[in-house]
């Protein structure tokens, strides 16, 4: 039995412990050897947390209000109407793009001339 316990990962042990503590049905808590002090401390902390915390149920009024809100149809989405494209905006964007390309062209041509002069 000790050999199979060594093959179980610490994560699996902690998951089994959490399921036994907080799962829908209480189960047997896994035990560890004293060599696993960090895991023993984590499991002890989880047991202390469970002892301190009390389960809380929502009030019937909250449950009823939530049920009504969830059953209510969703608010209609805001309809976004297509904006009226101003022709000058499109023209300005086209001119700006053309000027950017022209500037890039002249920059490349100028750098090629400088490279030819340098060599």
Protein backbone atom coordinates (compact mmCIF):
# COMPACT_ATOMS: atom_id res chain seq x y z
CA UNK A 1 0.00 0.00 0.00
CA UNK A 2 2.88 2.38 0.81
CA UNK A 3 4.29 1.86 -2.68
CA UNK A 4 1.07 2.97 -4.45
CA UNK A 5 0.91 6.09 -2.27
CA UNK A 6 4.36 7.12 -3.49
CA UNK A 7 3.14 6.97 -7.10
CA UNK A 8 0.31 9.44 -6.46
CA UNK A 9 1.24 13.02 -7.29
CA UNK A 10 0.84 15.79 -4.70
CA UNK A 11 -1.72 17.47 -6.92
CA UNK A 12 -3.84 14.31 -6.99
CA UNK A 13 -3.62 14.06 -3.20
CA UNK A 14 -4.68 17.68 -2.74
CA UNK A 15 -7.55 17.23 -5.20
CA UNK A 16 -8.74 14.13 -3.36
CA UNK A 17 -8.52 16.00 -0.07
CA UNK A 18 -10.50 18.97 -1.42
CA UNK A 19 -13.15 16.66 -2.89
CA UNK A 20 -13.47 14.86 0.44
CA UNK A 21 -13.78 18.16 2.32
CA UNK A 22 -15.91 20.25 -0.01
CA UNK A 23 -17.46 17.75 -2.42
CA UNK A 24 -21.18 16.96 -2.56
CA UNK A 25 -20.71 13.92 -0.36
CA UNK A 26 -18.16 13.65 2.37
CA UNK A 27 -15.48 11.04 1.75
CA UNK A 28 -12.50 9.66 3.56
CA UNK A 29 -9.68 12.17 3.90
CA UNK A 30 -6.37 10.96 2.44
CA UNK A 31 -3.51 10.65 4.90
CA UNK A 32 0.11 11.50 4.29
CA UNK A 33 3.38 10.51 5.82
CA UNK A 34 5.15 13.10 7.93
CA UNK A 35 7.76 13.49 5.17
CA UNK A 36 5.28 15.49 3.09
CA UNK A 37 5.19 18.41 5.55
CA UNK A 38 4.10 21.04 3.00
CA UNK A 39 1.17 18.92 1.86
CA UNK A 40 0.23 18.12 5.46
CA UNK A 41 0.20 21.85 6.23
CA UNK A 42 -1.94 22.61 3.17
CA UNK A 43 -4.42 19.89 4.08
CA UNK A 44 -4.58 21.12 7.70
CA UNK A 45 -5.23 24.66 6.44
CA UNK A 46 -8.06 23.43 4.21
CA UNK A 47 -9.62 21.60 7.16
CA UNK A 48 -9.39 24.76 9.30
CA UNK A 49 -11.01 26.81 6.52
CA UNK A 50 -13.88 24.33 6.27
CA UNK A 51 -14.39 24.43 10.04
CA UNK A 52 -14.56 28.25 10.06
CA UNK A 53 -16.70 28.82 6.99
CA UNK A 54 -20.40 28.19 7.21
CA UNK A 55 -22.40 27.33 4.10
CA UNK A 56 -24.60 30.20 2.96
CA UNK A 57 -27.81 29.89 0.97
CA UNK A 58 -29.29 32.80 -0.97
CA UNK A 59 -32.57 34.19 0.28
CA UNK A 60 -35.74 32.98 -1.47
CA UNK A 61 -36.45 36.55 -2.62
CA UNK A 62 -33.04 36.73 -4.33
CA UNK A 63 -33.56 33.36 -6.01
CA UNK A 64 -36.99 34.45 -7.28
CA UNK A 65 -35.71 37.83 -8.54
CA UNK A 66 -32.79 36.15 -10.29
CA UNK A 67 -35.13 33.63 -11.90
CA UNK A 68 -37.34 36.41 -13.25
CA UNK A 69 -34.36 38.36 -14.53
CA UNK A 70 -32.91 35.33 -16.29
CA UNK A 71 -36.26 34.43 -17.83
CA UNK A 72 -36.81 37.95 -19.15
CA UNK A 73 -35.83 38.39 -22.79
CA UNK A 74 -32.58 40.20 -23.35
CA UNK A 75 -32.68 43.88 -24.12
CA UNK A 76 -32.62 44.51 -27.86
CA UNK A 77 -29.22 45.34 -29.23
CA UNK A 78 -28.62 48.94 -30.14
CA UNK A 79 -28.93 49.28 -33.87
CA UNK A 80 -26.01 51.13 -35.35
CA UNK A 81 -27.02 53.03 -38.43
CA UNK A 82 -24.41 53.42 -41.14
CA UNK A 83 -22.86 56.85 -40.86
CA UNK A 84 -23.05 59.17 -43.77
CA UNK A 85 -19.61 59.04 -45.30
CA UNK A 86 -18.49 62.54 -46.03
CA UNK A 87 -16.81 62.58 -49.45
CA UNK A 88 -14.12 64.96 -48.24
CA UNK A 89 -13.01 62.45 -45.54
CA UNK A 90 -12.46 59.75 -48.15
CA UNK A 91 -10.70 62.23 -50.44
CA UNK A 92 -8.45 63.46 -47.63
CA UNK A 93 -7.52 59.89 -46.74
CA UNK A 94 -6.69 59.14 -50.38
CA UNK A 95 -4.54 62.28 -50.71
CA UNK A 96 -2.75 61.52 -47.44
CA UNK A 97 -1.99 57.98 -48.58
CA UNK A 98 -0.72 59.20 -51.95
CA UNK A 99 1.54 61.80 -50.28
CA UNK A 100 2.91 59.14 -47.91
CA UNK A 101 3.75 56.86 -50.82
CA UNK A 102 5.32 59.72 -52.75
CA UNK A 103 7.45 60.68 -49.75
CA UNK A 104 8.56 57.09 -49.30
CA UNK A 105 9.49 56.88 -52.98
CA UNK A 106 11.61 60.04 -52.79
CA UNK A 107 13.27 58.84 -49.59
CA UNK A 108 14.27 55.56 -51.21
CA UNK A 109 15.51 57.29 -54.35
CA UNK A 110 17.57 59.73 -52.29
CA UNK A 111 19.13 56.97 -50.23
CA UNK A 112 20.03 55.06 -53.41
CA UNK A 113 21.78 58.18 -54.77
CA UNK A 114 23.73 58.56 -51.55
CA UNK A 115 24.77 54.91 -51.65
CA UNK A 116 25.96 55.28 -55.26
CA UNK A 117 27.98 58.41 -54.41
CA UNK A 118 29.52 56.73 -51.37
CA UNK A 119 30.73 53.74 -53.36
